Amino acid sequence: PFISTGGNVANDGQHTAFSTCILTNENRYDKTSDDVFFSRNKTLLGLSRYHILSNYEPLGIQHIDCLLKLLDEERILVARPPADHPLRSVYDRIVTDELSRLKTAYGRSY
Protein backbone atom coordinates (compact mmCIF):
# COMPACT_ATOMS: atom_id res chain seq x y z
CA PRO A 1 0.00 0.00 0.00
CA PHE A 2 1.01 3.58 -0.72
CA ILE A 3 -1.33 6.46 0.02
CA SER A 4 -0.95 9.83 -1.69
CA THR A 5 -4.32 11.46 -1.16
CA GLY A 6 -5.37 14.12 -3.65
CA GLY A 7 -5.48 17.57 -2.11
CA ASN A 8 -2.77 16.67 0.36
CA VAL A 9 0.24 16.90 -1.91
CA ALA A 10 1.56 20.22 -3.20
CA ASN A 11 4.45 20.01 -5.65
CA ASP A 12 6.66 22.95 -6.65
CA GLY A 13 7.76 21.46 -9.98
CA GLN A 14 11.35 21.26 -8.71
CA HIS A 15 11.15 17.82 -7.04
CA THR A 16 9.83 19.24 -3.76
CA ALA A 17 6.50 18.28 -2.19
CA PHE A 18 4.53 19.42 0.85
CA SER A 19 1.87 17.52 2.80
CA THR A 20 0.42 17.56 6.27
CA CYS A 21 1.15 14.80 8.74
CA ILE A 22 -2.17 13.10 7.95
CA LEU A 23 -0.53 11.55 4.90
CA THR A 24 2.26 9.85 6.83
CA ASN A 25 -0.25 8.86 9.52
CA GLU A 26 -2.50 7.21 6.90
CA ASN A 27 0.46 5.34 5.45
CA ARG A 28 1.58 4.16 8.89
CA TYR A 29 -1.95 2.89 9.52
CA ASP A 30 -1.60 0.74 6.39
CA LYS A 31 1.82 -0.49 7.62
CA THR A 32 3.89 1.71 5.29
CA SER A 33 6.77 3.20 7.27
CA ASP A 34 7.92 6.78 6.81
CA ASP A 35 11.13 5.53 5.17
CA VAL A 36 9.16 3.49 2.62
CA PHE A 37 6.78 6.41 2.05
CA PHE A 38 9.63 8.83 1.26
CA SER A 39 11.47 6.22 -0.81
CA ARG A 40 8.38 5.50 -2.94
CA ASN A 41 7.77 9.21 -3.47
CA LYS A 42 11.33 9.59 -4.70
CA THR A 43 11.34 6.48 -6.88
CA LEU A 44 7.83 6.68 -8.30
CA LEU A 45 7.25 10.44 -8.37
CA GLY A 46 10.74 11.94 -8.46
CA LEU A 47 10.23 13.90 -5.23
CA SER A 48 13.67 14.26 -3.68
CA ARG A 49 12.53 16.75 -0.99
CA TYR A 50 9.33 16.09 0.92
CA HIS A 51 8.17 18.38 3.73
CA ILE A 52 5.58 17.08 6.19
CA LEU A 53 3.86 19.86 8.13
CA SER A 54 2.00 19.62 11.43
CA ASN A 55 -1.73 19.19 11.71
CA TYR A 56 -3.30 22.63 11.45
CA GLU A 57 -6.92 21.69 12.15
CA PRO A 58 -8.20 19.25 14.77
CA LEU A 59 -11.41 18.17 13.03
CA GLY A 60 -10.83 18.63 9.32
CA ILE A 61 -9.34 16.80 6.35
CA GLN A 62 -5.91 18.40 6.87
CA HIS A 63 -5.34 18.81 3.15
CA ILE A 64 -2.33 20.96 2.40
CA ASP A 65 -4.23 22.92 -0.24
CA CYS A 66 -6.52 24.28 2.49
CA LEU A 67 -3.47 25.64 4.35
CA LEU A 68 -1.19 26.90 1.61
CA LYS A 69 -0.64 27.33 -2.11
CA LEU A 70 2.71 27.15 -3.87
CA LEU A 71 2.79 30.20 -6.11
CA ASP A 72 6.05 29.10 -7.69
CA GLU A 73 9.14 27.20 -6.58
CA GLU A 74 10.13 29.98 -4.16
CA ARG A 75 6.88 31.54 -2.93
CA ILE A 76 4.22 30.11 -0.63
CA LEU A 77 0.88 31.75 0.10
CA VAL A 78 -0.37 30.66 3.54
CA ALA A 79 -3.91 31.11 4.84
CA ARG A 80 -4.15 33.38 7.86
CA PRO A 81 -7.28 33.20 9.99
CA PRO A 82 -8.52 36.39 11.69
CA ALA A 83 -6.75 37.37 14.91
CA ASP A 84 -9.65 36.15 17.07
CA HIS A 85 -9.94 32.75 15.32
CA PRO A 86 -9.08 29.79 17.62
CA LEU A 87 -6.63 28.35 15.07
CA ARG A 88 -4.71 31.57 14.36
CA SER A 89 -1.87 30.64 16.72
CA VAL A 90 -1.58 27.18 15.10
CA TYR A 91 -1.19 28.68 11.62
CA ASP A 92 1.29 31.27 12.89
CA ARG A 93 3.33 28.56 14.61
CA ILE A 94 3.52 26.49 11.42
CA VAL A 95 4.80 29.53 9.53
CA THR A 96 7.40 30.52 12.15
CA ASP A 97 8.49 27.08 13.38
CA GLU A 98 8.21 25.00 10.21
CA LEU A 99 7.88 26.87 6.92
CA SER A 100 10.40 29.59 7.79
CA ARG A 101 13.10 26.94 8.30
CA LEU A 102 12.66 25.31 4.90
CA LYS A 103 14.78 26.03 1.85
CA THR A 104 13.76 26.12 -1.78
CA ALA A 105 15.27 23.85 -4.43
CA TYR A 106 17.80 26.66 -4.92
CA GLY A 107 18.83 26.75 -1.25
CA ARG A 108 17.04 30.02 -0.46
CA SER A 109 14.30 30.74 2.07
CA TYR A 110 10.70 30.77 0.88
C-alpha atoms as a PDB file:
ATOM      1  CA  PRO A   1       0.000   0.000   0.000  1.00  0.00           C
ATOM      2  CA  PHE A   2       1.014   3.578  -0.722  1.00  0.00           C
ATOM      3  CA  ILE A   3      -1.327   6.461   0.022  1.00  0.00           C
ATOM      4  CA  SER A   4      -0.946   9.828  -1.687  1.00  0.00           C
ATOM      5  CA  THR A   5      -4.325  11.456  -1.161  1.00  0.00           C
ATOM      6  CA  GLY A   6      -5.366  14.120  -3.652  1.00  0.00           C
ATOM      7  CA  GLY A   7      -5.475  17.568  -2.108  1.00  0.00           C
ATOM      8  CA  ASN A   8      -2.767  16.674   0.361  1.00  0.00           C
ATOM      9  CA  VAL A   9       0.244  16.897  -1.908  1.00  0.00           C
ATOM     10  CA  ALA A  10       1.560  20.221  -3.199  1.00  0.00           C
ATOM     11  CA  ASN A  11       4.449  20.011  -5.653  1.00  0.00           C
ATOM     12  CA  ASP A  12       6.665  22.947  -6.651  1.00  0.00           C
ATOM     13  CA  GLY A  13       7.760  21.463  -9.977  1.00  0.00           C
ATOM     14  CA  GLN A  14      11.350  21.262  -8.715  1.00  0.00           C
ATOM     15  CA  HIS A  15      11.153  17.819  -7.038  1.00  0.00           C
ATOM     16  CA  THR A  16       9.826  19.238  -3.755  1.00  0.00           C
ATOM     17  CA  ALA A  17       6.501  18.281  -2.187  1.00  0.00           C
ATOM     18  CA  PHE A  18       4.527  19.423   0.853  1.00  0.00           C
ATOM     19  CA  SER A  19       1.873  17.521   2.801  1.00  0.00           C
ATOM     20  CA  THR A  20       0.420  17.565   6.270  1.00  0.00           C
ATOM     21  CA  CYS A  21       1.145  14.797   8.744  1.00  0.00           C
ATOM     22  CA  ILE A  22      -2.168  13.098   7.948  1.00  0.00           C
ATOM     23  CA  LEU A  23      -0.526  11.551   4.898  1.00  0.00           C
ATOM     24  CA  THR A  24       2.258   9.845   6.830  1.00  0.00           C
ATOM     25  CA  ASN A  25      -0.252   8.861   9.515  1.00  0.00           C
ATOM     26  CA  GLU A  26      -2.502   7.210   6.904  1.00  0.00           C
ATOM     27  CA  ASN A  27       0.464   5.340   5.452  1.00  0.00           C
ATOM     28  CA  ARG A  28       1.585   4.156   8.892  1.00  0.00           C
ATOM     29  CA  TYR A  29      -1.954   2.891   9.520  1.00  0.00           C
ATOM     30  CA  ASP A  30      -1.597   0.742   6.394  1.00  0.00           C
ATOM     31  CA  LYS A  31       1.816  -0.492   7.622  1.00  0.00           C
ATOM     32  CA  THR A  32       3.892   1.712   5.291  1.00  0.00           C
ATOM     33  CA  SER A  33       6.770   3.202   7.266  1.00  0.00           C
ATOM     34  CA  ASP A  34       7.918   6.780   6.807  1.00  0.00           C
ATOM     35  CA  ASP A  35      11.132   5.534   5.171  1.00  0.00           C
ATOM     36  CA  VAL A  36       9.161   3.495   2.624  1.00  0.00           C
ATOM     37  CA  PHE A  37       6.781   6.413   2.051  1.00  0.00           C
ATOM     38  CA  PHE A  38       9.626   8.831   1.259  1.00  0.00           C
ATOM     39  CA  SER A  39      11.467   6.217  -0.807  1.00  0.00           C
ATOM     40  CA  ARG A  40       8.384   5.504  -2.936  1.00  0.00           C
ATOM     41  CA  ASN A  41       7.773   9.209  -3.474  1.00  0.00           C
ATOM     42  CA  LYS A  42      11.331   9.585  -4.701  1.00  0.00           C
ATOM     43  CA  THR A  43      11.336   6.477  -6.885  1.00  0.00           C
ATOM     44  CA  LEU A  44       7.827   6.678  -8.299  1.00  0.00           C
ATOM     45  CA  LEU A  45       7.248  10.439  -8.374  1.00  0.00           C
ATOM     46  CA  GLY A  46      10.739  11.941  -8.458  1.00  0.00           C
ATOM     47  CA  LEU A  47      10.226  13.898  -5.226  1.00  0.00           C
ATOM     48  CA  SER A  48      13.669  14.255  -3.677  1.00  0.00           C
ATOM     49  CA  ARG A  49      12.534  16.753  -0.992  1.00  0.00           C
ATOM     50  CA  TYR A  50       9.329  16.092   0.923  1.00  0.00           C
ATOM     51  CA  HIS A  51       8.166  18.380   3.726  1.00  0.00           C
ATOM     52  CA  ILE A  52       5.583  17.082   6.189  1.00  0.00           C
ATOM     53  CA  LEU A  53       3.857  19.857   8.129  1.00  0.00           C
ATOM     54  CA  SER A  54       1.999  19.622  11.427  1.00  0.00           C
ATOM     55  CA  ASN A  55      -1.728  19.187  11.711  1.00  0.00           C
ATOM     56  CA  TYR A  56      -3.295  22.629  11.447  1.00  0.00           C
ATOM     57  CA  GLU A  57      -6.924  21.693  12.147  1.00  0.00           C
ATOM     58  CA  PRO A  58      -8.200  19.253  14.769  1.00  0.00           C
ATOM     59  CA  LEU A  59     -11.411  18.174  13.034  1.00  0.00           C
ATOM     60  CA  GLY A  60     -10.826  18.628   9.315  1.00  0.00           C
ATOM     61  CA  ILE A  61      -9.344  16.797   6.351  1.00  0.00           C
ATOM     62  CA  GLN A  62      -5.912  18.398   6.868  1.00  0.00           C
ATOM     63  CA  HIS A  63      -5.340  18.811   3.150  1.00  0.00           C
ATOM     64  CA  ILE A  64      -2.330  20.957   2.405  1.00  0.00           C
ATOM     65  CA  ASP A  65      -4.235  22.920  -0.241  1.00  0.00           C
ATOM     66  CA  CYS A  66      -6.520  24.277   2.488  1.00  0.00           C
ATOM     67  CA  LEU A  67      -3.471  25.645   4.349  1.00  0.00           C
ATOM     68  CA  LEU A  68      -1.188  26.898   1.607  1.00  0.00           C
ATOM     69  CA  LYS A  69      -0.637  27.334  -2.108  1.00  0.00           C
ATOM     70  CA  LEU A  70       2.706  27.145  -3.865  1.00  0.00           C
ATOM     71  CA  LEU A  71       2.792  30.202  -6.106  1.00  0.00           C
ATOM     72  CA  ASP A  72       6.053  29.104  -7.692  1.00  0.00           C
ATOM     73  CA  GLU A  73       9.144  27.202  -6.576  1.00  0.00           C
ATOM     74  CA  GLU A  74      10.135  29.980  -4.156  1.00  0.00           C
ATOM     75  CA  ARG A  75       6.882  31.544  -2.930  1.00  0.00           C
ATOM     76  CA  ILE A  76       4.225  30.114  -0.627  1.00  0.00           C
ATOM     77  CA  LEU A  77       0.880  31.747   0.102  1.00  0.00           C
ATOM     78  CA  VAL A  78      -0.367  30.655   3.539  1.00  0.00           C
ATOM     79  CA  ALA A  79      -3.908  31.107   4.838  1.00  0.00           C
ATOM     80  CA  ARG A  80      -4.152  33.377   7.857  1.00  0.00           C
ATOM     81  CA  PRO A  81      -7.280  33.204   9.990  1.00  0.00           C
ATOM     82  CA  PRO A  82      -8.522  36.391  11.693  1.00  0.00           C
ATOM     83  CA  ALA A  83      -6.753  37.366  14.912  1.00  0.00           C
ATOM     84  CA  ASP A  84      -9.652  36.148  17.069  1.00  0.00           C
ATOM     85  CA  HIS A  85      -9.941  32.753  15.324  1.00  0.00           C
ATOM     86  CA  PRO A  86      -9.079  29.792  17.620  1.00  0.00           C
ATOM     87  CA  LEU A  87      -6.626  28.346  15.075  1.00  0.00           C
ATOM     88  CA  ARG A  88      -4.714  31.572  14.360  1.00  0.00           C
ATOM     89  CA  SER A  89      -1.867  30.636  16.716  1.00  0.00           C
ATOM     90  CA  VAL A  90      -1.575  27.184  15.103  1.00  0.00           C
ATOM     91  CA  TYR A  91      -1.193  28.681  11.621  1.00  0.00           C
ATOM     92  CA  ASP A  92       1.291  31.267  12.889  1.00  0.00           C
ATOM     93  CA  ARG A  93       3.333  28.561  14.615  1.00  0.00           C
ATOM     94  CA  ILE A  94       3.523  26.488  11.418  1.00  0.00           C
ATOM     95  CA  VAL A  95       4.804  29.532   9.535  1.00  0.00           C
ATOM     96  CA  THR A  96       7.398  30.522  12.147  1.00  0.00           C
ATOM     97  CA  ASP A  97       8.494  27.078  13.377  1.00  0.00           C
ATOM     98  CA  GLU A  98       8.209  25.000  10.208  1.00  0.00           C
ATOM     99  CA  LEU A  99       7.878  26.873   6.920  1.00  0.00           C
ATOM    100  CA  SER A 100      10.397  29.590   7.794  1.00  0.00           C
ATOM    101  CA  ARG A 101      13.096  26.944   8.301  1.00  0.00           C
ATOM    102  CA  LEU A 102      12.658  25.307   4.905  1.00  0.00           C
ATOM    103  CA  LYS A 103      14.778  26.032   1.853  1.00  0.00           C
ATOM    104  CA  THR A 104      13.761  26.118  -1.783  1.00  0.00           C
ATOM    105  CA  ALA A 105      15.273  23.854  -4.425  1.00  0.00           C
ATOM    106  CA  TYR A 106      17.799  26.665  -4.917  1.00  0.00           C
ATOM    107  CA  GLY A 107      18.825  26.748  -1.250  1.00  0.00           C
ATOM    108  CA  ARG A 108      17.036  30.019  -0.464  1.00  0.00           C
ATOM    109  CA  SER A 109      14.298  30.736   2.067  1.00  0.00           C
ATOM    110  CA  TYR A 110      10.701  30.773   0.878  1.00  0.00           C
END
